PDB file of N, CA and C in Angstrom:
ATOM      1  N   MET A   1     109.853 -25.693 -54.442  1.00  0.00           N
ATOM      2  CA  MET A   1     108.760 -25.047 -53.782  1.00  0.00           C
ATOM      3  C   MET A   1     107.437 -25.423 -54.457  1.00  0.00           C
ATOM      4  N   THR A   2     107.488 -25.642 -55.713  1.00  0.00           N
ATOM      5  CA  THR A   2     106.293 -26.024 -56.438  1.00  0.00           C
ATOM      6  C   THR A   2     105.801 -27.384 -55.964  1.00  0.00           C
ATOM      7  N   ARG A   3     106.732 -28.283 -55.693  1.00  0.00           N
ATOM      8  CA  ARG A   3     106.342 -29.608 -55.238  1.00  0.00           C
ATOM      9  C   ARG A   3     105.702 -29.538 -53.851  1.00  0.00           C
ATOM     10  N   GLN A   4     106.253 -28.743 -52.965  1.00  0.00           N
ATOM     11  CA  GLN A   4     105.673 -28.572 -51.633  1.00  0.00           C
ATOM     12  C   GLN A   4     104.284 -27.926 -51.716  1.00  0.00           C
ATOM     13  N   PHE A   5     104.153 -26.965 -52.622  1.00  0.00           N
ATOM     14  CA  PHE A   5     102.862 -26.305 -52.797  1.00  0.00           C
ATOM     15  C   PHE A   5     101.796 -27.302 -53.263  1.00  0.00           C
ATOM     16  N   ARG A   6     102.172 -28.153 -54.211  1.00  0.00           N
ATOM     17  CA  ARG A   6     101.227 -29.171 -54.706  1.00  0.00           C
ATOM     18  C   ARG A   6     100.861 -30.168 -53.602  1.00  0.00           C
ATOM     19  N   LEU A   7     101.850 -30.550 -52.813  1.00  0.00           N
ATOM     20  CA  LEU A   7     101.610 -31.482 -51.725  1.00  0.00           C
ATOM     21  C   LEU A   7     100.661 -30.872 -50.685  1.00  0.00           C
ATOM     22  N   ILE A   8     100.886 -29.638 -50.330  1.00  0.00           N
ATOM     23  CA  ILE A   8     100.026 -28.959 -49.351  1.00  0.00           C
ATOM     24  C   ILE A   8      98.622 -28.758 -49.944  1.00  0.00           C
ATOM     25  N   ALA A   9      98.550 -28.381 -51.219  1.00  0.00           N
ATOM     26  CA  ALA A   9      97.250 -28.165 -51.864  1.00  0.00           C
ATOM     27  C   ALA A   9      96.465 -29.469 -51.937  1.00  0.00           C
ATOM     28  N   SER A  10      97.110 -30.563 -52.284  1.00  0.00           N
ATOM     29  CA  SER A  10      96.402 -31.841 -52.358  1.00  0.00           C
ATOM     30  C   SER A  10      96.000 -32.315 -50.971  1.00  0.00           C
ATOM     31  N   LEU A  11      96.824 -32.063 -49.963  1.00  0.00           N
ATOM     32  CA  LEU A  11      96.473 -32.423 -48.592  1.00  0.00           C
ATOM     33  C   LEU A  11      95.248 -31.633 -48.124  1.00  0.00           C
ATOM     34  N   CYS A  12      95.222 -30.332 -48.437  1.00  0.00           N
ATOM     35  CA  CYS A  12      94.061 -29.501 -48.077  1.00  0.00           C
ATOM     36  C   CYS A  12      92.811 -29.971 -48.814  1.00  0.00           C
ATOM     37  N   LEU A  13      92.955 -30.331 -50.075  1.00  0.00           N
ATOM     38  CA  LEU A  13      91.818 -30.795 -50.856  1.00  0.00           C
ATOM     39  C   LEU A  13      91.254 -32.092 -50.275  1.00  0.00           C
ATOM     40  N   CYS A  14      92.121 -33.026 -49.949  1.00  0.00           N
ATOM     41  CA  CYS A  14      91.664 -34.302 -49.378  1.00  0.00           C
ATOM     42  C   CYS A  14      90.999 -34.087 -48.024  1.00  0.00           C
ATOM     43  N   THR A  15      91.559 -33.200 -47.216  1.00  0.00           N
ATOM     44  CA  THR A  15      90.986 -32.916 -45.904  1.00  0.00           C
ATOM     45  C   THR A  15      89.602 -32.279 -46.042  1.00  0.00           C
ATOM     46  N   SER A  16      89.477 -31.343 -46.981  1.00  0.00           N
ATOM     47  CA  SER A  16      88.184 -30.678 -47.150  1.00  0.00           C
ATOM     48  C   SER A  16      87.134 -31.643 -47.707  1.00  0.00           C
ATOM     49  N   LEU A  17      87.524 -32.557 -48.599  1.00  0.00           N
ATOM     50  CA  LEU A  17      86.577 -33.540 -49.113  1.00  0.00           C
ATOM     51  C   LEU A  17      86.157 -34.533 -48.043  1.00  0.00           C
ATOM     52  N   ALA A  18      87.093 -34.890 -47.181  1.00  0.00           N
ATOM     53  CA  ALA A  18      86.773 -35.830 -46.103  1.00  0.00           C
ATOM     54  C   ALA A  18      85.833 -35.185 -45.090  1.00  0.00           C
ATOM     55  N   ALA A  19      85.875 -33.866 -44.990  1.00  0.00           N
ATOM     56  CA  ALA A  19      85.020 -33.167 -44.042  1.00  0.00           C
ATOM     57  C   ALA A  19      83.597 -32.998 -44.565  1.00  0.00           C
ATOM     58  N   CYS A  20      83.378 -33.218 -45.859  1.00  0.00           N
ATOM     59  CA  CYS A  20      82.036 -33.084 -46.416  1.00  0.00           C
ATOM     60  C   CYS A  20      81.187 -34.264 -45.966  1.00  0.00           C
ATOM     61  N   VAL A  21      80.168 -33.981 -45.234  1.00  0.00           N
ATOM     62  CA  VAL A  21      79.276 -35.015 -44.738  1.00  0.00           C
ATOM     63  C   VAL A  21      77.870 -34.658 -45.202  1.00  0.00           C
ATOM     64  N   TYR A  22      77.251 -35.606 -45.856  1.00  0.00           N
ATOM     65  CA  TYR A  22      75.874 -35.396 -46.286  1.00  0.00           C
ATOM     66  C   TYR A  22      74.957 -35.911 -45.195  1.00  0.00           C
ATOM     67  N   PRO A  23      74.009 -35.088 -44.786  1.00  0.00           N
ATOM     68  CA  PRO A  23      73.097 -35.564 -43.733  1.00  0.00           C
ATOM     69  C   PRO A  23      72.180 -36.650 -44.275  1.00  0.00           C
ATOM     70  N   TYR A  24      71.875 -37.580 -43.407  1.00  0.00           N
ATOM     71  CA  TYR A  24      70.931 -38.625 -43.789  1.00  0.00           C
ATOM     72  C   TYR A  24      69.546 -38.006 -43.926  1.00  0.00           C
ATOM     73  N   PRO A  25      68.766 -38.495 -44.848  1.00  0.00           N
ATOM     74  CA  PRO A  25      67.412 -37.942 -44.958  1.00  0.00           C
ATOM     75  C   PRO A  25      66.599 -38.278 -43.713  1.00  0.00           C
ATOM     76  N   ALA A  26      65.675 -37.424 -43.415  1.00  0.00           N
ATOM     77  CA  ALA A  26      64.825 -37.651 -42.249  1.00  0.00           C
ATOM     78  C   ALA A  26      64.052 -38.952 -42.445  1.00  0.00           C
ATOM     79  N   PRO A  27      63.865 -39.717 -41.391  1.00  0.00           N
ATOM     80  CA  PRO A  27      63.114 -40.971 -41.534  1.00  0.00           C
ATOM     81  C   PRO A  27      61.686 -40.676 -41.970  1.00  0.00           C
ATOM     82  N   TYR A  28      61.124 -41.583 -42.737  1.00  0.00           N
ATOM     83  CA  TYR A  28      59.756 -41.444 -43.231  1.00  0.00           C
ATOM     84  C   TYR A  28      58.805 -41.778 -42.096  1.00  0.00           C
ATOM     85  N   THR A  29      57.960 -40.847 -41.768  1.00  0.00           N
ATOM     86  CA  THR A  29      56.995 -41.090 -40.707  1.00  0.00           C
ATOM     87  C   THR A  29      55.590 -40.869 -41.247  1.00  0.00           C
ATOM     88  N   THR A  30      54.667 -41.604 -40.689  1.00  0.00           N
ATOM     89  CA  THR A  30      53.269 -41.472 -41.067  1.00  0.00           C
ATOM     90  C   THR A  30      52.481 -41.097 -39.825  1.00  0.00           C
ATOM     91  N   THR A  31      51.689 -40.071 -39.959  1.00  0.00           N
ATOM     92  CA  THR A  31      50.832 -39.658 -38.868  1.00  0.00           C
ATOM     93  C   THR A  31      49.399 -39.955 -39.258  1.00  0.00           C
ATOM     94  N   MET A  32      48.742 -40.755 -38.471  1.00  0.00           N
ATOM     95  CA  MET A  32      47.354 -41.101 -38.750  1.00  0.00           C
ATOM     96  C   MET A  32      46.445 -40.070 -38.085  1.00  0.00           C
ATOM     97  N   VAL A  33      45.620 -39.461 -38.889  1.00  0.00           N
ATOM     98  CA  VAL A  33      44.657 -38.488 -38.400  1.00  0.00           C
ATOM     99  C   VAL A  33      43.270 -39.049 -38.678  1.00  0.00           C
ATOM    100  N   PRO A  34      42.403 -39.061 -37.680  1.00  0.00           N
ATOM    101  CA  PRO A  34      41.065 -39.570 -37.943  1.00  0.00           C
ATOM    102  C   PRO A  34      40.392 -38.782 -39.062  1.00  0.00           C
ATOM    103  N   ALA A  35      39.666 -39.491 -39.891  1.00  0.00           N
ATOM    104  CA  ALA A  35      38.955 -38.831 -40.983  1.00  0.00           C
ATOM    105  C   ALA A  35      37.870 -37.933 -40.414  1.00  0.00           C
ATOM    106  N   SER A  36      37.606 -36.854 -41.110  1.00  0.00           N
ATOM    107  CA  SER A  36      36.568 -35.947 -40.643  1.00  0.00           C
ATOM    108  C   SER A  36      35.197 -36.604 -40.799  1.00  0.00           C
ATOM    109  N   PHE A  37      34.266 -36.142 -39.991  1.00  0.00           N
ATOM    110  CA  PHE A  37      32.917 -36.681 -40.052  1.00  0.00           C
ATOM    111  C   PHE A  37      32.308 -36.422 -41.422  1.00  0.00           C
ATOM    112  N   ASP A  38      32.491 -35.210 -41.941  1.00  0.00           N
ATOM    113  CA  ASP A  38      31.898 -34.862 -43.233  1.00  0.00           C
ATOM    114  C   ASP A  38      32.430 -35.745 -44.356  1.00  0.00           C
ATOM    115  N   ARG A  39      33.729 -35.999 -44.345  1.00  0.00           N
ATOM    116  CA  ARG A  39      34.314 -36.857 -45.386  1.00  0.00           C
ATOM    117  C   ARG A  39      33.772 -38.280 -45.277  1.00  0.00           C
ATOM    118  N   SER A  40      33.686 -38.792 -44.061  1.00  0.00           N
ATOM    119  CA  SER A  40      33.157 -40.140 -43.853  1.00  0.00           C
ATOM    120  C   SER A  40      31.680 -40.210 -44.217  1.00  0.00           C
ATOM    121  N   TRP A  41      30.934 -39.170 -43.903  1.00  0.00           N
ATOM    122  CA  TRP A  41      29.512 -39.113 -44.232  1.00  0.00           C
ATOM    123  C   TRP A  41      29.318 -39.171 -45.745  1.00  0.00           C
ATOM    124  N   ASP A  42      30.069 -38.334 -46.456  1.00  0.00           N
ATOM    125  CA  ASP A  42      29.970 -38.319 -47.924  1.00  0.00           C
ATOM    126  C   ASP A  42      30.369 -39.671 -48.516  1.00  0.00           C
ATOM    127  N   ALA A  43      31.416 -40.282 -47.954  1.00  0.00           N
ATOM    128  CA  ALA A  43      31.851 -41.594 -48.445  1.00  0.00           C
ATOM    129  C   ALA A  43      30.802 -42.664 -48.180  1.00  0.00           C
ATOM    130  N   ALA A  44      30.148 -42.609 -47.019  1.00  0.00           N
ATOM    131  CA  ALA A  44      29.116 -43.593 -46.683  1.00  0.00           C
ATOM    132  C   ALA A  44      27.916 -43.459 -47.619  1.00  0.00           C
ATOM    133  N   LEU A  45      27.497 -42.225 -47.882  1.00  0.00           N
ATOM    134  CA  LEU A  45      26.383 -42.005 -48.812  1.00  0.00           C
ATOM    135  C   LEU A  45      26.745 -42.456 -50.228  1.00  0.00           C
ATOM    136  N   GLY A  46      27.935 -42.092 -50.677  1.00  0.00           N
ATOM    137  CA  GLY A  46      28.377 -42.485 -52.017  1.00  0.00           C
ATOM    138  C   GLY A  46      28.526 -43.988 -52.155  1.00  0.00           C
ATOM    139  N   ALA A  47      29.052 -44.634 -51.111  1.00  0.00           N
ATOM    140  CA  ALA A  47      29.219 -46.085 -51.143  1.00  0.00           C
ATOM    141  C   ALA A  47      27.863 -46.783 -51.186  1.00  0.00           C
ATOM    142  N   ALA A  48      26.880 -46.235 -50.486  1.00  0.00           N
ATOM    143  CA  ALA A  48      25.533 -46.807 -50.527  1.00  0.00           C
ATOM    144  C   ALA A  48      24.982 -46.730 -51.946  1.00  0.00           C
ATOM    145  N   ALA A  49      25.173 -45.593 -52.603  1.00  0.00           N
ATOM    146  CA  ALA A  49      24.715 -45.451 -53.989  1.00  0.00           C
ATOM    147  C   ALA A  49      25.466 -46.416 -54.899  1.00  0.00           C
ATOM    148  N   ASP A  50      26.772 -46.570 -54.679  1.00  0.00           N
ATOM    149  CA  ASP A  50      27.575 -47.502 -55.487  1.00  0.00           C
ATOM    150  C   ASP A  50      27.081 -48.932 -55.332  1.00  0.00           C
ATOM    151  N   ALA A  51      26.642 -49.286 -54.135  1.00  0.00           N
ATOM    152  CA  ALA A  51      26.163 -50.649 -53.863  1.00  0.00           C
ATOM    153  C   ALA A  51      24.698 -50.834 -54.270  1.00  0.00           C
ATOM    154  N   GLY A  52      24.055 -49.771 -54.741  1.00  0.00           N
ATOM    155  CA  GLY A  52      22.671 -49.878 -55.201  1.00  0.00           C
ATOM    156  C   GLY A  52      21.630 -49.706 -54.124  1.00  0.00           C
ATOM    157  N   VAL A  53      22.015 -49.133 -52.995  1.00  0.00           N
ATOM    158  CA  VAL A  53      21.070 -48.911 -51.901  1.00  0.00           C
ATOM    159  C   VAL A  53      20.246 -47.665 -52.208  1.00  0.00           C
ATOM    160  N   GLN A  54      18.932 -47.775 -52.086  1.00  0.00           N
ATOM    161  CA  GLN A  54      18.012 -46.641 -52.250  1.00  0.00           C
ATOM    162  C   GLN A  54      17.898 -45.950 -50.891  1.00  0.00           C
ATOM    163  N   ILE A  55      18.434 -44.742 -50.780  1.00  0.00           N
ATOM    164  CA  ILE A  55      18.413 -44.013 -49.514  1.00  0.00           C
ATOM    165  C   ILE A  55      17.006 -43.448 -49.276  1.00  0.00           C
ATOM    166  N   SER A  56      16.441 -43.732 -48.098  1.00  0.00           N
ATOM    167  CA  SER A  56      15.129 -43.175 -47.748  1.00  0.00           C
ATOM    168  C   SER A  56      15.251 -42.010 -46.778  1.00  0.00           C
ATOM    169  N   SER A  57      16.279 -42.025 -45.926  1.00  0.00           N
ATOM    170  CA  SER A  57      16.528 -40.880 -45.041  1.00  0.00           C
ATOM    171  C   SER A  57      18.011 -40.828 -44.686  1.00  0.00           C
ATOM    172  N   ALA A  58      18.480 -39.596 -44.517  1.00  0.00           N
ATOM    173  CA  ALA A  58      19.872 -39.380 -44.135  1.00  0.00           C
ATOM    174  C   ALA A  58      19.908 -38.202 -43.171  1.00  0.00           C
ATOM    175  N   ASP A  59      20.125 -38.490 -41.899  1.00  0.00           N
ATOM    176  CA  ASP A  59      20.160 -37.461 -40.865  1.00  0.00           C
ATOM    177  C   ASP A  59      21.602 -37.308 -40.387  1.00  0.00           C
ATOM    178  N   GLN A  60      22.267 -36.276 -40.893  1.00  0.00           N
ATOM    179  CA  GLN A  60      23.680 -36.097 -40.583  1.00  0.00           C
ATOM    180  C   GLN A  60      23.893 -35.775 -39.109  1.00  0.00           C
ATOM    181  N   ALA A  61      22.983 -35.070 -38.492  1.00  0.00           N
ATOM    182  CA  ALA A  61      23.126 -34.712 -37.075  1.00  0.00           C
ATOM    183  C   ALA A  61      23.199 -35.953 -36.188  1.00  0.00           C
ATOM    184  N   SER A  62      22.391 -36.955 -36.499  1.00  0.00           N
ATOM    185  CA  SER A  62      22.420 -38.188 -35.696  1.00  0.00           C
ATOM    186  C   SER A  62      23.388 -39.218 -36.263  1.00  0.00           C
ATOM    187  N   GLY A  63      23.859 -39.006 -37.491  1.00  0.00           N
ATOM    188  CA  GLY A  63      24.780 -39.949 -38.118  1.00  0.00           C
ATOM    189  C   GLY A  63      24.094 -41.206 -38.604  1.00  0.00           C
ATOM    190  N   ARG A  64      22.836 -41.110 -38.969  1.00  0.00           N
ATOM    191  CA  ARG A  64      22.049 -42.295 -39.354  1.00  0.00           C
ATOM    192  C   ARG A  64      21.564 -42.166 -40.799  1.00  0.00           C
ATOM    193  N   ILE A  65      21.837 -43.210 -41.577  1.00  0.00           N
ATOM    194  CA  ILE A  65      21.375 -43.304 -42.961  1.00  0.00           C
ATOM    195  C   ILE A  65      20.544 -44.574 -43.059  1.00  0.00           C
ATOM    196  N   THR A  66      19.340 -44.477 -43.601  1.00  0.00           N
ATOM    197  CA  THR A  66      18.506 -45.660 -43.788  1.00  0.00           C
ATOM    198  C   THR A  66      18.097 -45.751 -45.247  1.00  0.00           C
ATOM    199  N   GLY A  67      17.875 -46.970 -45.671  1.00  0.00           N
ATOM    200  CA  GLY A  67      17.465 -47.213 -47.041  1.00  0.00           C
ATOM    201  C   GLY A  67      17.099 -48.666 -47.236  1.00  0.00           C
ATOM    202  N   SER A  68      17.059 -49.063 -48.513  1.00  0.00           N
ATOM    203  CA  SER A  68      16.733 -50.459 -48.809  1.00  0.00           C
ATOM    204  C   SER A  68      17.404 -50.878 -50.102  1.00  0.00           C
ATOM    205  N   LYS A  69      17.568 -52.179 -50.239  1.00  0.00           N
ATOM    206  CA  LYS A  69      18.146 -52.773 -51.448  1.00  0.00           C
ATOM    207  C   LYS A  69      17.431 -54.093 -51.662  1.00  0.00           C
ATOM    208  N   ALA A  70      16.716 -54.191 -52.753  1.00  0.00           N
ATOM    209  CA  ALA A  70      15.988 -55.418 -53.110  1.00  0.00           C
ATOM    210  C   ALA A  70      15.093 -55.896 -51.968  1.00  0.00           C
ATOM    211  N   GLY A  71      14.413 -54.968 -51.317  1.00  0.00           N
ATOM    212  CA  GLY A  71      13.493 -55.321 -50.249  1.00  0.00           C
ATOM    213  C   GLY A  71      14.132 -55.468 -48.877  1.00  0.00           C
ATOM    214  N   ALA A  72      15.423 -55.451 -48.792  1.00  0.00           N
ATOM    215  CA  ALA A  72      16.109 -55.586 -47.503  1.00  0.00           C
ATOM    216  C   ALA A  72      16.386 -54.202 -46.930  1.00  0.00           C
ATOM    217  N   SER A  73      16.082 -54.015 -45.645  1.00  0.00           N
ATOM    218  CA  SER A  73      16.353 -52.719 -45.012  1.00  0.00           C
ATOM    219  C   SER A  73      17.850 -52.586 -44.741  1.00  0.00           C
ATOM    220  N   VAL A  74      18.342 -51.358 -44.876  1.00  0.00           N
ATOM    221  CA  VAL A  74      19.755 -51.056 -44.690  1.00  0.00           C
ATOM    222  C   VAL A  74      19.867 -49.900 -43.701  1.00  0.00           C
ATOM    223  N   VAL A  75      20.772 -50.040 -42.725  1.00  0.00           N
ATOM    224  CA  VAL A  75      21.043 -48.963 -41.774  1.00  0.00           C
ATOM    225  C   VAL A  75      22.556 -48.753 -41.728  1.00  0.00           C
ATOM    226  N   ILE A  76      22.963 -47.498 -41.917  1.00  0.00           N
ATOM    227  CA  ILE A  76      24.374 -47.121 -41.821  1.00  0.00           C
ATOM    228  C   ILE A  76      24.469 -46.108 -40.690  1.00  0.00           C
ATOM    229  N   LEU A  77      25.365 -46.354 -39.736  1.00  0.00           N
ATOM    230  CA  LEU A  77      25.536 -45.462 -38.587  1.00  0.00           C
ATOM    231  C   LEU A  77      26.963 -44.933 -38.551  1.00  0.00           C
ATOM    232  N   LEU A  78      27.097 -43.652 -38.307  1.00  0.00           N
ATOM    233  CA  LEU A  78      28.391 -43.023 -38.097  1.00  0.00           C
ATOM    234  C   LEU A  78      28.372 -42.439 -36.695  1.00  0.00           C
ATOM    235  N   LEU A  79      29.186 -42.995 -35.807  1.00  0.00           N
ATOM    236  CA  LEU A  79      29.191 -42.596 -34.405  1.00  0.00           C
ATOM    237  C   LEU A  79      30.550 -42.033 -34.013  1.00  0.00           C
ATOM    238  N   ARG A  80      30.545 -40.833 -33.443  1.00  0.00           N
ATOM    239  CA  ARG A  80      31.784 -40.234 -32.945  1.00  0.00           C
ATOM    240  C   ARG A  80      32.168 -40.918 -31.637  1.00  0.00           C
ATOM    241  N   GLN A  81      33.463 -41.274 -31.520  1.00  0.00           N
ATOM    242  CA  GLN A  81      33.971 -41.913 -30.308  1.00  0.00           C
ATOM    243  C   GLN A  81      34.596 -40.860 -29.397  1.00  0.00           C
ATOM    244  N   ASN A  82      34.804 -41.195 -28.136  1.00  0.00           N
ATOM    245  CA  ASN A  82      35.395 -40.264 -27.169  1.00  0.00           C
ATOM    246  C   ASN A  82      36.814 -39.856 -27.533  1.00  0.00           C
ATOM    247  N   ASP A  83      37.553 -40.744 -28.203  1.00  0.00           N
ATOM    248  CA  ASP A  83      38.945 -40.440 -28.553  1.00  0.00           C
ATOM    249  C   ASP A  83      39.073 -39.634 -29.843  1.00  0.00           C
ATOM    250  N   GLY A  84      37.954 -39.199 -30.421  1.00  0.00           N
ATOM    251  CA  GLY A  84      37.987 -38.393 -31.635  1.00  0.00           C
ATOM    252  C   GLY A  84      37.852 -39.196 -32.907  1.00  0.00           C
ATOM    253  N   SER A  85      37.890 -40.514 -32.790  1.00  0.00           N
ATOM    254  CA  SER A  85      37.750 -41.361 -33.977  1.00  0.00           C
ATOM    255  C   SER A  85      36.275 -41.507 -34.326  1.00  0.00           C
ATOM    256  N   LEU A  86      36.032 -42.201 -35.405  1.00  0.00           N
ATOM    257  CA  LEU A  86      34.679 -42.361 -35.904  1.00  0.00           C
ATOM    258  C   LEU A  86      34.419 -43.840 -36.157  1.00  0.00           C
ATOM    259  N   GLN A  87      33.308 -44.338 -35.661  1.00  0.00           N
ATOM    260  CA  GLN A  87      32.910 -45.722 -35.914  1.00  0.00           C
ATOM    261  C   GLN A  87      31.816 -45.708 -36.973  1.00  0.00           C
ATOM    262  N   VAL A  88      32.052 -46.443 -38.047  1.00  0.00           N
ATOM    263  CA  VAL A  88      31.091 -46.526 -39.141  1.00  0.00           C
ATOM    264  C   VAL A  88      30.608 -47.965 -39.214  1.00  0.00           C
ATOM    265  N   SER A  89      29.291 -48.149 -39.183  1.00  0.00           N
ATOM    266  CA  SER A  89      28.752 -49.508 -39.262  1.00  0.00           C
ATOM    267  C   SER A  89      27.692 -49.584 -40.352  1.00  0.00           C
ATOM    268  N   PHE A  90      27.599 -50.758 -40.937  1.00  0.00           N
ATOM    269  CA  PHE A  90      26.640 -51.039 -42.000  1.00  0.00           C
ATOM    270  C   PHE A  90      25.885 -52.288 -41.594  1.00  0.00           C
ATOM    271  N   ASN A  91      24.553 -52.223 -41.668  1.00  0.00           N
ATOM    272  CA  ASN A  91      23.757 -53.370 -41.257  1.00  0.00           C
ATOM    273  C   ASN A  91      22.629 -53.591 -42.262  1.00  0.00           C
ATOM    274  N   ALA A  92      22.607 -54.766 -42.852  1.00  0.00           N
ATOM    275  CA  ALA A  92      21.541 -55.177 -43.769  1.00  0.00           C
ATOM    276  C   ALA A  92      21.226 -56.639 -43.475  1.00  0.00           C
ATOM    277  N   PRO A  93      20.548 -56.909 -42.346  1.00  0.00           N
ATOM    278  CA  PRO A  93      20.370 -58.296 -41.905  1.00  0.00           C
ATOM    279  C   PRO A  93      19.502 -59.144 -42.836  1.00  0.00           C
ATOM    280  N   ASP A  94      18.589 -58.536 -43.587  1.00  0.00           N
ATOM    281  CA  ASP A  94      17.691 -59.320 -44.437  1.00  0.00           C
ATOM    282  C   ASP A  94      18.166 -59.438 -45.881  1.00  0.00           C
ATOM    283  N   SER A  95      19.359 -58.956 -46.159  1.00  0.00           N
ATOM    284  CA  SER A  95      19.867 -59.002 -47.531  1.00  0.00           C
ATOM    285  C   SER A  95      20.161 -60.449 -47.937  1.00  0.00           C
ATOM    286  N   ARG A  96      19.762 -60.788 -49.147  1.00  0.00           N
ATOM    287  CA  ARG A  96      19.979 -62.146 -49.650  1.00  0.00           C
ATOM    288  C   ARG A  96      21.139 -62.204 -50.656  1.00  0.00           C
ATOM    289  N   GLU A  97      21.827 -61.077 -50.829  1.00  0.00           N
ATOM    290  CA  GLU A  97      22.939 -61.052 -51.783  1.00  0.00           C
ATOM    291  C   GLU A  97      24.102 -61.868 -51.251  1.00  0.00           C
ATOM    292  N   ILE A  98      24.713 -62.626 -52.148  1.00  0.00           N
ATOM    293  CA  ILE A  98      25.880 -63.430 -51.779  1.00  0.00           C
ATOM    294  C   ILE A  98      26.953 -63.244 -52.854  1.00  0.00           C
ATOM    295  N   ASN A  99      28.158 -63.459 -52.452  1.00  0.00           N
ATOM    296  CA  ASN A  99      29.327 -63.541 -53.334  1.00  0.00           C
ATOM    297  C   ASN A  99      29.452 -62.406 -54.346  1.00  0.00           C
ATOM    298  N   PRO A 100      29.739 -61.194 -53.994  1.00  0.00           N
ATOM    299  CA  PRO A 100      29.953 -60.698 -52.637  1.00  0.00           C
ATOM    300  C   PRO A 100      28.640 -60.256 -52.008  1.00  0.00           C
ATOM    301  N   THR A 101      28.642 -60.231 -50.710  1.00  0.00           N
ATOM    302  CA  THR A 101      27.441 -59.805 -50.001  1.00  0.00           C
ATOM    303  C   THR A 101      27.278 -58.295 -50.150  1.00  0.00           C
ATOM    304  N   LEU A 102      26.108 -57.824 -49.838  1.00  0.00           N
ATOM    305  CA  LEU A 102      25.852 -56.383 -49.890  1.00  0.00           C
ATOM    306  C   LEU A 102      26.798 -55.643 -48.953  1.00  0.00           C
ATOM    307  N   ASN A 103      27.037 -56.210 -47.784  1.00  0.00           N
ATOM    308  CA  ASN A 103      27.968 -55.613 -46.833  1.00  0.00           C
ATOM    309  C   ASN A 103      29.367 -55.494 -47.442  1.00  0.00           C
ATOM    310  N   ASP A 104      29.839 -56.546 -48.097  1.00  0.00           N
ATOM    311  CA  ASP A 104      31.166 -56.528 -48.715  1.00  0.00           C
ATOM    312  C   ASP A 104      31.247 -55.498 -49.833  1.00  0.00           C
ATOM    313  N   ARG A 105      30.194 -55.411 -50.643  1.00  0.00           N
ATOM    314  CA  ARG A 105      30.185 -54.432 -51.739  1.00  0.00           C
ATOM    315  C   ARG A 105      30.194 -53.013 -51.202  1.00  0.00           C
ATOM    316  N   TRP A 106      29.394 -52.765 -50.152  1.00  0.00           N
ATOM    317  CA  TRP A 106      29.364 -51.430 -49.558  1.00  0.00           C
ATOM    318  C   TRP A 106      30.710 -51.085 -48.940  1.00  0.00           C
ATOM    319  N   LEU A 107      31.299 -52.028 -48.193  1.00  0.00           N
ATOM    320  CA  LEU A 107      32.583 -51.782 -47.538  1.00  0.00           C
ATOM    321  C   LEU A 107      33.673 -51.497 -48.559  1.00  0.00           C
ATOM    322  N   SER A 108      33.689 -52.244 -49.642  1.00  0.00           N
ATOM    323  CA  SER A 108      34.683 -52.012 -50.691  1.00  0.00           C
ATOM    324  C   SER A 108      34.519 -50.617 -51.292  1.00  0.00           C
ATOM    325  N   ALA A 109      33.291 -50.221 -51.558  1.00  0.00           N
ATOM    326  CA  ALA A 109      33.030 -48.886 -52.112  1.00  0.00           C
ATOM    327  C   ALA A 109      33.395 -47.796 -51.107  1.00  0.00           C
ATOM    328  N   TYR A 110      33.096 -48.024 -49.839  1.00  0.00           N
ATOM    329  CA  TYR A 110      33.417 -47.041 -48.802  1.00  0.00           C
ATOM    330  C   TYR A 110      34.934 -46.851 -48.684  1.00  0.00           C
ATOM    331  N   ASN A 111      35.669 -47.947 -48.625  1.00  0.00           N
ATOM    332  CA  ASN A 111      37.136 -47.852 -48.523  1.00  0.00           C
ATOM    333  C   ASN A 111      37.731 -47.170 -49.759  1.00  0.00           C
ATOM    334  N   ARG A 112      37.205 -47.457 -50.931  1.00  0.00           N
ATOM    335  CA  ARG A 112      37.692 -46.809 -52.146  1.00  0.00           C
ATOM    336  C   ARG A 112      37.455 -45.301 -52.079  1.00  0.00           C
ATOM    337  N   ARG A 113      36.280 -44.909 -51.620  1.00  0.00           N
ATOM    338  CA  ARG A 113      35.956 -43.485 -51.520  1.00  0.00           C
ATOM    339  C   ARG A 113      36.764 -42.799 -50.435  1.00  0.00           C
ATOM    340  N   MET A 114      37.211 -43.536 -49.435  1.00  0.00           N
ATOM    341  CA  MET A 114      38.043 -42.963 -48.374  1.00  0.00           C
ATOM    342  C   MET A 114      39.526 -42.982 -48.749  1.00  0.00           C
ATOM    343  N   GLY A 115      39.849 -43.537 -49.911  1.00  0.00           N
ATOM    344  CA  GLY A 115      41.233 -43.567 -50.364  1.00  0.00           C
ATOM    345  C   GLY A 115      42.062 -44.645 -49.714  1.00  0.00           C
ATOM    346  N   ARG A 116      41.439 -45.716 -49.319  1.00  0.00           N
ATOM    347  CA  ARG A 116      42.157 -46.809 -48.654  1.00  0.00           C
ATOM    348  C   ARG A 116      42.425 -47.934 -49.614  1.00  0.00           C
TER     349      ARG A 116
END
């Protein structure tokens, strides 16, 4: 009887172990949420300072920042799009900076401040 008991106990143990199923982890998903206007505004202002732009006016209501760097005028625009996203543009047409250009330096600083 002891042998039958051991056989039944081991059969039950194997069956119960085979029934243990670990669920697969949920797949990793990323949800992209447009950055808030305030966060983008702060990043644009900070990036301008990082690039050495002297800010002369900053009107958050219109999304327009103006300034200058080494005599070149600089305009930064933050425009809300219909889909809820934000378009950020930097324009310094008279800048003579090269390698990297003023635009490249500002963009790098902006992306760093946005955590990209």
